[in-house]
Amino acid sequence: MQRPQRIWIDSPLATLEPSYANGLVLEGSLIVETLAAGQQPSAPVDQRIDASEHVLLPGLINTHHHFYQTLTRAFPAALNKELFPWLQTLYPLWAGLEPAMIHSSTQVALAELLLSGCTTASDHHYLFPQGLEQAIDIQIEAAAPLGMRLHLTRGSMSLGQEQGGLPPQSTVQNEQQIIDDSLRLIRRYHQRGAGAKVQIALAPCSPFSVSPQLMAETARLAASEDVRLHTHLAETEDETAFCLRLFGMRPLDYLEQQGWLQPRTWLAHGIHFNDEDVRRLGQQQVGICHCPSSNMLLASGQCRTLELEAAGSPVGLGVDGSASNDGSNMIQEVRQALLLQRLRYGAAAVTHQRALHWATQGSAACLGREDIGQLAVGKQADLALFKLDELRFAGAGDPLAALLLCGASRADRVMVAGQWQVWDGQLTQLDLAQLQANQRQLANQLAAKLS
């Protein structure tokens, strides 16, 4: 049996952990050594990567996205709207999604994330109109050439406009169909243990798009199959008003009633929580994915990140959908988190290291992963190398801080599980020009369906 290749990432310009001044040694898919200043690898290496001009980070982890929305960025009819009217504008468009569109949009979203230093991505797909029942299967096939880790959530909507929900009837499914397909996907694709490349979670879209019965049954299925739970929650005041009107309780109370207030759950947005909500979330270690760009674009509000962390909730980051961002750039999302949270808590309380922590260890905790999000012995060899050789960095002092403060947007090299997926700023496995051309054509086809 062939010995795994040993790679030395030698003497990076800066890292999140200053004690690794001489870099890391990787063997196969794992980090096997961390080297202090002056320290050499304990055994010969097969490849030495000179990282003296690179900032070295753990691979960034995106914990909330909607890949299909890369087809509807800056859609004219949806501009300058807040969440509910924005959704009502776009749902009829998204009802026209086709399998080829899911394939292309998945690759576009993942390529954009990968080029920005992201190595693990979670997607929340909840649209299954007729002919698109295999959407998650299509995503897994489309993602394979990019080599990224995937946390795909089998979303769902069962309340259409006829039942008082927001989406068109053509986009919702019956509840038994949802549960049956959720179980099928878990049994077919979900990998367990350290190094897992594909995991499945269960993710009703929101409290206003599924019934209480489906929320409760989804929690029971997640417990029996030992997978995680995900949904949007407390994104807007409209959602709070909706839950009070329909259920007679606030969103978190409703979530608890359906069995979701537990450590296997992570929530997208988590903006409109009161002090008691924050205490309860922390007590149950419910993860919160902060989506700063989306929350600003839709004017939804600011997540209470530091208070949630202090209470015991893991806090991670997500770019959210590319129709409410309108990008999928993870390193830029870290910068947005830094800036937005400083508005809330002050400059001294939210450092660049803390923002990077949210995108790495915090995001890993939201996904229930202990094997990624850190550059440490025994962790997966998922990493990103950024150069500071653009005009925007000229005159920068602290290299790690400059990555965020000066606005890095593209990684130079990215590795997932010991394999280089980005080299010299280019994808190693996909033709980006062809991907962009195909995406433009499909986006035009989708938009034409409404005209």
Protein backbone atom coordinates (compact mmCIF):
# COMPACT_ATOMS: atom_id res chain seq x y z
CA MET A 1 0.00 0.00 0.00
CA GLN A 2 1.37 3.39 -1.01
CA ARG A 3 2.41 5.73 1.80
CA PRO A 4 0.35 8.97 1.99
CA GLN A 5 2.21 12.02 0.71
CA ARG A 6 3.79 14.28 3.34
CA ILE A 7 3.52 18.02 2.63
CA TRP A 8 5.19 20.80 4.61
CA ILE A 9 3.43 24.18 4.57
CA ASP A 10 6.59 26.07 5.47
CA SER A 11 6.87 29.34 7.43
CA PRO A 12 3.59 31.14 6.68
CA LEU A 13 3.56 34.92 6.84
CA ALA A 14 0.83 34.77 9.51
CA THR A 15 -1.63 32.28 11.05
CA LEU A 16 -4.43 32.32 13.59
CA GLU A 17 -2.06 30.48 15.92
CA PRO A 18 1.29 32.35 16.24
CA SER A 19 3.02 29.34 17.80
CA TYR A 20 2.99 27.62 14.38
CA ALA A 21 5.58 29.98 12.92
CA ASN A 22 7.31 27.22 10.93
CA GLY A 23 4.03 25.90 9.60
CA LEU A 24 2.37 22.51 9.36
CA VAL A 25 3.09 19.02 8.12
CA LEU A 26 0.26 17.19 6.40
CA GLU A 27 0.08 13.48 5.71
CA GLY A 28 -2.74 12.28 3.52
CA SER A 29 -5.90 14.02 4.68
CA LEU A 30 -4.63 14.94 8.17
CA ILE A 31 -2.46 17.49 9.92
CA VAL A 32 0.28 15.48 11.64
CA GLU A 33 2.67 18.16 12.93
CA THR A 34 2.63 21.82 13.90
CA LEU A 35 6.04 23.50 13.88
CA ALA A 36 7.23 26.26 16.17
CA ALA A 37 9.78 28.85 15.00
CA GLY A 38 13.02 27.09 13.97
CA GLN A 39 11.48 23.61 14.24
CA GLN A 40 11.87 21.17 11.33
CA PRO A 41 9.59 18.27 10.34
CA SER A 42 10.31 15.10 12.28
CA ALA A 43 10.62 13.02 9.10
CA PRO A 44 11.37 13.71 5.42
CA VAL A 45 8.61 15.36 3.38
CA ASP A 46 7.58 14.74 -0.22
CA GLN A 47 6.68 18.34 -0.96
CA ARG A 48 7.58 21.68 0.62
CA ILE A 49 5.28 24.63 0.01
CA ASP A 50 6.95 27.98 0.63
CA ALA A 51 4.23 29.93 2.47
CA SER A 52 6.36 32.91 3.43
CA GLU A 53 4.15 35.22 1.35
CA HIS A 54 0.87 33.66 2.48
CA VAL A 55 -1.54 34.11 5.38
CA LEU A 56 -2.55 30.60 6.43
CA LEU A 57 -6.08 29.93 7.71
CA PRO A 58 -8.13 26.86 8.50
CA GLY A 59 -10.55 26.27 5.64
CA LEU A 60 -13.51 28.60 6.16
CA ILE A 61 -16.89 26.99 6.88
CA ASN A 62 -20.16 28.33 5.49
CA THR A 63 -23.13 27.19 7.59
CA HIS A 64 -26.06 28.62 5.64
CA HIS A 65 -26.66 29.09 1.92
CA HIS A 66 -29.21 28.60 -0.86
CA PHE A 67 -27.14 27.54 -3.85
CA TYR A 68 -30.02 27.83 -6.35
CA GLN A 69 -30.21 31.57 -5.71
CA THR A 70 -27.01 32.14 -7.71
CA LEU A 71 -29.42 32.13 -10.66
CA THR A 72 -31.35 35.18 -9.40
CA ARG A 73 -28.76 37.66 -8.12
CA ALA A 74 -29.84 41.32 -8.20
CA PHE A 75 -33.18 40.30 -9.75
CA PRO A 76 -34.85 43.56 -10.76
CA ALA A 77 -38.35 42.88 -9.38
CA ALA A 78 -36.96 41.89 -5.97
CA LEU A 79 -34.69 44.88 -5.38
CA ASN A 80 -35.21 47.18 -2.37
CA LYS A 81 -37.61 44.86 -0.54
CA GLU A 82 -37.60 43.36 2.94
CA LEU A 83 -37.90 39.63 3.58
CA PHE A 84 -41.60 38.77 3.19
CA PRO A 85 -42.28 40.86 0.04
CA TRP A 86 -38.88 39.78 -1.30
CA LEU A 87 -39.88 36.12 -0.90
CA GLN A 88 -43.30 36.68 -2.44
CA THR A 89 -41.62 38.23 -5.47
CA LEU A 90 -39.10 35.42 -5.96
CA TYR A 91 -41.08 32.30 -5.06
CA PRO A 92 -42.97 32.23 -8.42
CA LEU A 93 -39.63 32.52 -10.21
CA TRP A 94 -37.99 29.76 -8.18
CA ALA A 95 -41.00 27.52 -8.86
CA GLY A 96 -39.63 27.23 -12.41
CA LEU A 97 -36.30 25.67 -11.40
CA GLU A 98 -35.17 22.70 -13.49
CA PRO A 99 -32.58 19.95 -12.84
CA ALA A 100 -29.93 21.58 -15.06
CA MET A 101 -30.37 24.81 -13.12
CA ILE A 102 -29.80 23.06 -9.78
CA HIS A 103 -26.65 21.41 -11.18
CA SER A 104 -25.20 24.67 -12.52
CA SER A 105 -26.15 26.84 -9.54
CA THR A 106 -24.61 24.31 -7.14
CA GLN A 107 -21.31 24.39 -9.00
CA VAL A 108 -21.32 28.18 -9.26
CA ALA A 109 -21.99 28.65 -5.54
CA LEU A 110 -19.36 26.10 -4.51
CA ALA A 111 -16.77 27.45 -6.95
CA GLU A 112 -17.25 30.97 -5.61
CA LEU A 113 -17.00 29.74 -2.03
CA LEU A 114 -13.92 27.62 -2.74
CA LEU A 115 -12.11 30.50 -4.42
CA SER A 116 -12.77 32.60 -1.31
CA GLY A 117 -11.07 30.09 1.01
CA CYS A 118 -14.13 28.04 2.00
CA THR A 119 -13.69 24.26 2.29
CA THR A 120 -17.01 23.19 3.87
CA ALA A 121 -20.44 24.44 2.83
CA SER A 122 -23.94 23.84 4.08
CA ASP A 123 -26.86 24.38 1.73
CA HIS A 124 -30.52 24.79 2.70
CA HIS A 125 -32.57 23.57 -0.24
CA TYR A 126 -36.32 23.54 0.35
CA LEU A 127 -37.85 23.89 -3.15
CA PHE A 128 -39.05 20.64 -4.72
CA PRO A 129 -41.54 21.51 -7.46
CA GLN A 130 -42.71 18.72 -9.75
CA GLY A 131 -39.76 17.37 -11.72
CA LEU A 132 -37.25 18.50 -9.11
CA GLU A 133 -37.81 15.80 -6.50
CA GLN A 134 -34.16 14.66 -6.83
CA ALA A 135 -32.67 18.10 -6.14
CA ILE A 136 -30.34 16.94 -3.34
CA ASP A 137 -29.07 14.04 -5.46
CA ILE A 138 -28.31 16.52 -8.25
CA GLN A 139 -26.40 18.74 -5.82
CA ILE A 140 -24.22 15.85 -4.67
CA GLU A 141 -23.40 14.90 -8.26
CA ALA A 142 -22.66 18.51 -9.21
CA ALA A 143 -20.42 19.09 -6.19
CA ALA A 144 -18.17 16.07 -6.71
CA PRO A 145 -15.57 17.72 -9.02
CA LEU A 146 -14.97 20.54 -6.52
CA GLY A 147 -13.96 18.22 -3.68
CA MET A 148 -15.53 20.31 -0.91
CA ARG A 149 -17.16 19.02 2.25
CA LEU A 150 -20.94 19.27 2.04
CA HIS A 151 -23.61 19.59 4.71
CA LEU A 152 -26.75 19.41 2.58
CA THR A 153 -30.01 20.03 4.39
CA ARG A 154 -33.17 18.40 3.11
CA GLY A 155 -35.45 21.39 3.39
CA SER A 156 -39.21 21.36 3.08
CA MET A 157 -42.32 23.47 2.66
CA SER A 158 -45.79 22.04 3.22
CA LEU A 159 -47.87 25.21 3.68
CA GLY A 160 -48.60 26.95 0.39
CA GLN A 161 -50.69 30.04 -0.17
CA GLU A 162 -53.89 28.00 0.10
CA GLN A 163 -52.94 27.07 3.69
CA GLY A 164 -51.90 30.60 4.66
CA GLY A 165 -48.21 30.25 3.77
CA LEU A 166 -46.08 32.38 1.45
CA PRO A 167 -44.95 29.98 -1.32
CA PRO A 168 -47.00 28.99 -4.39
CA GLN A 169 -48.75 25.61 -4.13
CA SER A 170 -46.52 24.22 -6.89
CA THR A 171 -43.46 24.47 -4.60
CA VAL A 172 -44.82 22.58 -1.57
CA GLN A 173 -44.99 18.84 -0.92
CA ASN A 174 -47.16 16.63 1.23
CA GLU A 175 -45.67 15.76 4.58
CA GLN A 176 -45.32 12.01 4.12
CA GLN A 177 -43.44 12.61 0.89
CA ILE A 178 -41.07 14.94 2.77
CA ILE A 179 -40.41 12.47 5.58
CA ASP A 180 -39.92 9.53 3.20
CA ASP A 181 -37.43 11.43 1.06
CA SER A 182 -35.58 12.74 4.12
CA LEU A 183 -35.06 9.17 5.30
CA ARG A 184 -33.97 8.06 1.81
CA LEU A 185 -31.33 10.77 1.61
CA ILE A 186 -29.94 10.04 5.08
CA ARG A 187 -29.69 6.31 4.37
CA ARG A 188 -28.09 6.86 0.95
CA TYR A 189 -25.66 9.72 1.48
CA HIS A 190 -25.00 10.60 5.12
CA GLN A 191 -21.43 9.83 6.18
CA ARG A 192 -20.43 9.57 9.81
CA GLY A 193 -17.23 10.11 11.74
CA ALA A 194 -14.13 12.23 11.27
CA GLY A 195 -13.37 13.21 7.69
CA ALA A 196 -16.95 12.88 6.44
CA LYS A 197 -17.30 14.58 3.04
CA VAL A 198 -21.12 14.52 2.78
CA GLN A 199 -23.61 14.86 5.60
CA ILE A 200 -27.39 15.30 5.48
CA ALA A 201 -29.41 17.40 7.92
CA LEU A 202 -33.17 17.99 8.07
CA ALA A 203 -34.40 21.53 7.55
CA PRO A 204 -38.01 22.66 7.28
CA CYS A 205 -37.76 26.09 5.68
CA SER A 206 -39.29 28.15 8.50
CA PRO A 207 -42.14 28.20 11.04
CA PHE A 208 -44.38 29.89 8.47
CA SER A 209 -43.85 27.32 5.69
CA VAL A 210 -44.51 23.96 7.39
CA SER A 211 -47.05 22.65 9.87
CA PRO A 212 -46.34 22.05 13.57
CA GLN A 213 -46.82 18.34 12.90
CA LEU A 214 -44.05 18.31 10.30
CA MET A 215 -41.70 20.27 12.57
CA ALA A 216 -42.25 17.74 15.36
CA GLU A 217 -41.96 14.69 13.11
CA THR A 218 -38.75 16.05 11.59
CA ALA A 219 -37.23 16.41 15.06
CA ARG A 220 -38.19 12.81 15.86
CA LEU A 221 -36.64 11.55 12.61
CA ALA A 222 -33.43 13.50 13.24
CA ALA A 223 -33.14 11.95 16.70
CA SER A 224 -33.76 8.41 15.46
CA GLU A 225 -31.26 8.78 12.59
CA ASP A 226 -28.76 10.89 14.59
CA VAL A 227 -28.56 13.81 12.16
CA ARG A 228 -28.75 17.53 12.74
CA LEU A 229 -31.64 19.98 12.46
CA HIS A 230 -31.66 23.36 10.74
CA THR A 231 -34.15 26.12 9.95
CA HIS A 232 -34.53 29.87 9.62
CA LEU A 233 -35.62 31.50 12.86
CA ALA A 234 -36.10 35.00 14.28
CA GLU A 235 -34.95 36.65 11.07
CA THR A 236 -37.53 39.47 11.07
CA GLU A 237 -40.15 41.10 13.27
CA ASP A 238 -42.71 39.97 10.66
CA GLU A 239 -41.87 36.38 11.59
CA THR A 240 -42.44 37.10 15.28
CA ALA A 241 -45.81 38.69 14.49
CA PHE A 242 -46.73 35.71 12.27
CA CYS A 243 -45.94 33.19 15.02
CA LEU A 244 -47.88 35.18 17.62
CA ARG A 245 -50.88 35.40 15.30
CA LEU A 246 -50.85 31.79 14.10
CA PHE A 247 -49.50 29.89 17.12
CA GLY A 248 -50.06 32.32 19.99
CA MET A 249 -46.36 32.26 20.93
CA ARG A 250 -42.96 33.67 19.98
CA PRO A 251 -40.78 31.78 17.47
CA LEU A 252 -38.47 30.21 20.07
CA ASP A 253 -41.40 29.03 22.19
CA TYR A 254 -42.88 27.43 19.08
CA LEU A 255 -39.55 25.79 18.30
CA GLU A 256 -39.34 24.35 21.81
CA GLN A 257 -42.91 23.06 21.64
CA GLN A 258 -41.98 21.03 18.54
CA GLY A 259 -38.89 19.48 20.18
CA TRP A 260 -36.26 21.57 18.45
CA LEU A 261 -34.63 23.33 21.41
CA GLN A 262 -31.70 20.92 21.66
CA PRO A 263 -27.95 20.68 20.87
CA ARG A 264 -28.40 19.01 17.46
CA THR A 265 -30.11 22.19 16.15
CA TRP A 266 -28.50 25.18 14.45
CA LEU A 267 -30.50 28.18 13.29
CA ALA A 268 -30.00 30.67 10.49
CA HIS A 269 -30.07 34.39 11.36
CA GLY A 270 -31.25 34.41 15.00
CA ILE A 271 -31.71 38.17 15.11
CA HIS A 272 -34.87 38.93 17.07
CA PHE A 273 -34.25 37.06 20.31
CA ASN A 274 -34.98 38.63 23.68
CA ASP A 275 -32.79 38.12 26.75
CA GLU A 276 -34.73 35.07 27.91
CA ASP A 277 -34.49 33.53 24.43
CA VAL A 278 -30.72 34.01 24.46
CA ARG A 279 -30.45 32.35 27.87
CA ARG A 280 -32.48 29.31 26.76
CA LEU A 281 -30.62 28.94 23.47
CA GLY A 282 -27.30 28.96 25.27
CA GLN A 283 -28.50 26.51 27.89
CA GLN A 284 -29.38 24.02 25.14
CA GLN A 285 -26.25 24.85 23.08
CA VAL A 286 -28.29 25.65 19.98
CA GLY A 287 -26.00 26.93 17.22
CA ILE A 288 -26.63 30.25 15.50
CA CYS A 289 -25.48 31.07 11.97
CA HIS A 290 -24.91 34.81 11.62
CA CYS A 291 -25.54 36.05 8.04
CA PRO A 292 -24.37 39.67 8.11
CA SER A 293 -24.61 40.63 4.42
CA SER A 294 -28.10 39.20 4.00
CA ASN A 295 -29.28 40.77 7.24
CA MET A 296 -28.06 44.16 6.06
CA LEU A 297 -29.36 43.86 2.49
CA LEU A 298 -32.88 42.89 3.60
CA ALA A 299 -32.71 45.28 6.58
CA SER A 300 -33.55 42.42 8.94
CA GLY A 301 -31.41 43.46 11.93
CA GLN A 302 -28.28 42.45 13.84
CA CYS A 303 -27.56 39.09 15.44
CA ARG A 304 -26.64 39.20 19.15
CA THR A 305 -23.46 37.21 18.59
CA LEU A 306 -21.48 37.98 21.74
CA GLU A 307 -24.42 37.50 24.07
CA LEU A 308 -25.32 34.20 22.40
CA GLU A 309 -21.73 32.97 22.73
CA ALA A 310 -21.57 34.04 26.36
CA ALA A 311 -24.79 32.13 27.05
CA GLY A 312 -23.34 28.93 25.53
CA SER A 313 -24.48 28.93 21.88
CA PRO A 314 -21.93 28.24 19.15
CA VAL A 315 -21.92 31.11 16.62
CA GLY A 316 -20.92 30.52 13.01
CA LEU A 317 -21.16 32.41 9.75
CA GLY A 318 -23.10 31.98 6.52
CA VAL A 319 -23.26 33.89 3.28
CA ASP A 320 -26.99 33.07 2.96
CA GLY A 321 -28.58 32.93 -0.47
CA SER A 322 -26.97 34.61 -3.42
CA ALA A 323 -30.21 36.53 -4.02
CA SER A 324 -29.98 38.24 -0.63
CA ASN A 325 -26.24 38.86 -0.45
CA ASP A 326 -25.73 38.79 -3.55
CA GLY A 327 -22.52 36.81 -3.46
CA SER A 328 -20.99 33.62 -2.09
CA ASN A 329 -17.65 34.99 -0.92
CA MET A 330 -16.77 33.62 2.49
CA ILE A 331 -13.73 35.75 3.34
CA GLN A 332 -15.73 38.88 2.51
CA GLU A 333 -18.50 37.60 4.76
CA VAL A 334 -16.02 37.43 7.64
CA ARG A 335 -15.20 41.10 7.03
CA GLN A 336 -18.91 41.98 7.01
CA ALA A 337 -19.36 40.17 10.32
CA LEU A 338 -16.45 42.10 11.82
CA LEU A 339 -17.83 45.47 10.73
CA LEU A 340 -21.50 44.84 11.54
CA GLN A 341 -20.78 43.40 14.98
CA ARG A 342 -18.47 46.30 15.85
CA LEU A 343 -21.44 48.59 15.30
CA ARG A 344 -23.26 46.64 17.98
CA TYR A 345 -20.51 45.91 20.50
CA GLY A 346 -17.64 48.30 19.78
CA ALA A 347 -14.22 47.88 18.17
CA ALA A 348 -12.43 46.43 21.20
CA ALA A 349 -15.01 43.67 21.75
CA VAL A 350 -15.01 42.31 18.18
CA THR A 351 -11.47 41.65 16.94
CA HIS A 352 -10.43 40.27 13.58
CA GLN A 353 -9.43 37.03 15.35
CA ARG A 354 -12.93 36.69 16.76
CA ALA A 355 -14.55 37.17 13.36
CA LEU A 356 -12.26 34.51 11.90
CA HIS A 357 -13.13 32.23 14.81
CA TRP A 358 -16.82 32.47 13.87
CA ALA A 359 -15.98 31.34 10.31
CA THR A 360 -13.87 28.39 11.49
CA GLN A 361 -14.31 26.84 14.93
CA GLY A 362 -17.67 28.48 15.53
CA SER A 363 -19.07 27.27 12.23
CA ALA A 364 -17.64 23.79 12.81
CA ALA A 365 -19.43 23.64 16.18
CA CYS A 366 -22.72 24.65 14.53
CA LEU A 367 -22.37 21.66 12.21
CA GLY A 368 -21.40 19.33 15.05
CA ARG A 369 -17.88 18.85 13.67
CA GLU A 370 -14.74 18.50 15.80
CA ASP A 371 -12.44 17.45 12.94
CA ILE A 372 -12.44 20.71 10.97
CA GLY A 373 -12.15 24.44 11.67
CA GLN A 374 -8.70 24.30 13.31
CA LEU A 375 -5.11 23.87 12.26
CA ALA A 376 -4.08 21.30 14.86
CA VAL A 377 -2.62 17.80 14.95
CA GLY A 378 -5.26 15.21 14.13
CA LYS A 379 -7.57 17.66 12.37
CA GLN A 380 -8.45 17.42 8.69
CA ALA A 381 -6.04 19.01 6.21
CA ASP A 382 -8.50 21.72 5.15
CA LEU A 383 -6.74 25.06 4.72
CA ALA A 384 -6.60 28.29 2.74
CA LEU A 385 -3.58 30.38 1.78
CA PHE A 386 -4.05 34.06 0.94
CA LYS A 387 -1.47 36.36 -0.65
CA LEU A 388 -1.30 40.06 0.19
CA ASP A 389 0.10 41.14 -3.17
CA GLU A 390 -2.77 43.30 -4.44
CA LEU A 391 -2.93 47.09 -4.40
CA ARG A 392 -5.47 47.03 -1.57
CA PHE A 393 -2.81 45.58 0.77
CA ALA A 394 -0.02 48.04 -0.07
CA GLY A 395 1.26 49.56 3.17
CA ALA A 396 -0.50 47.02 5.44
CA GLY A 397 1.12 46.22 8.79
CA ASP A 398 -0.43 43.21 10.54
CA PRO A 399 -0.93 40.57 7.79
CA LEU A 400 -3.75 38.68 9.56
CA ALA A 401 -5.72 41.84 10.31
CA ALA A 402 -5.07 43.12 6.78
CA LEU A 403 -6.82 40.08 5.36
CA LEU A 404 -10.11 41.45 6.70
CA LEU A 405 -9.50 45.18 7.11
CA CYS A 406 -8.12 45.61 3.59
CA GLY A 407 -10.77 43.37 2.08
CA ALA A 408 -9.28 40.10 0.79
CA SER A 409 -11.59 38.46 -1.72
CA ARG A 410 -9.76 35.50 -3.25
CA ALA A 411 -7.54 32.75 -1.91
CA ASP A 412 -4.34 31.81 -3.71
CA ARG A 413 -4.42 28.13 -2.72
CA VAL A 414 -7.07 25.99 -1.04
CA MET A 415 -6.79 22.41 0.16
CA VAL A 416 -9.59 20.04 1.20
CA ALA A 417 -8.75 16.70 2.84
CA GLY A 418 -5.14 16.96 1.68
CA GLN A 419 -6.01 17.70 -1.96
CA TRP A 420 -5.36 21.05 -3.67
CA GLN A 421 -8.63 22.35 -5.12
CA VAL A 422 -7.38 25.88 -5.81
CA TRP A 423 -3.84 26.58 -7.03
CA ASP A 424 -2.50 30.02 -7.93
CA GLY A 425 -6.01 31.43 -7.62
CA GLN A 426 -7.56 28.99 -10.11
CA LEU A 427 -9.84 26.00 -9.70
CA THR A 428 -7.97 22.78 -10.42
CA GLN A 429 -10.98 20.74 -11.59
CA LEU A 430 -13.49 23.00 -13.39
CA ASP A 431 -13.48 25.34 -16.39
CA LEU A 432 -14.68 28.57 -14.79
CA ALA A 433 -15.41 30.38 -18.07
CA GLN A 434 -17.64 27.55 -19.30
CA LEU A 435 -19.39 27.40 -15.93
CA GLN A 436 -20.14 31.13 -16.03
CA ALA A 437 -21.45 30.99 -19.60
CA ASN A 438 -23.75 28.08 -18.79
CA GLN A 439 -25.04 29.82 -15.67
CA ARG A 440 -25.87 33.02 -17.57
CA GLN A 441 -27.84 31.06 -20.16
CA LEU A 442 -29.82 29.16 -17.51
CA ALA A 443 -30.51 32.32 -15.49
CA ASN A 444 -31.96 33.95 -18.60
CA GLN A 445 -34.12 30.89 -19.25
CA LEU A 446 -35.45 31.00 -15.69
CA ALA A 447 -36.22 34.72 -15.82
CA ALA A 448 -38.00 34.30 -19.17
CA LYS A 449 -40.53 31.97 -17.56
CA LEU A 450 -42.08 34.93 -15.73
CA SER A 451 -42.32 37.16 -18.78
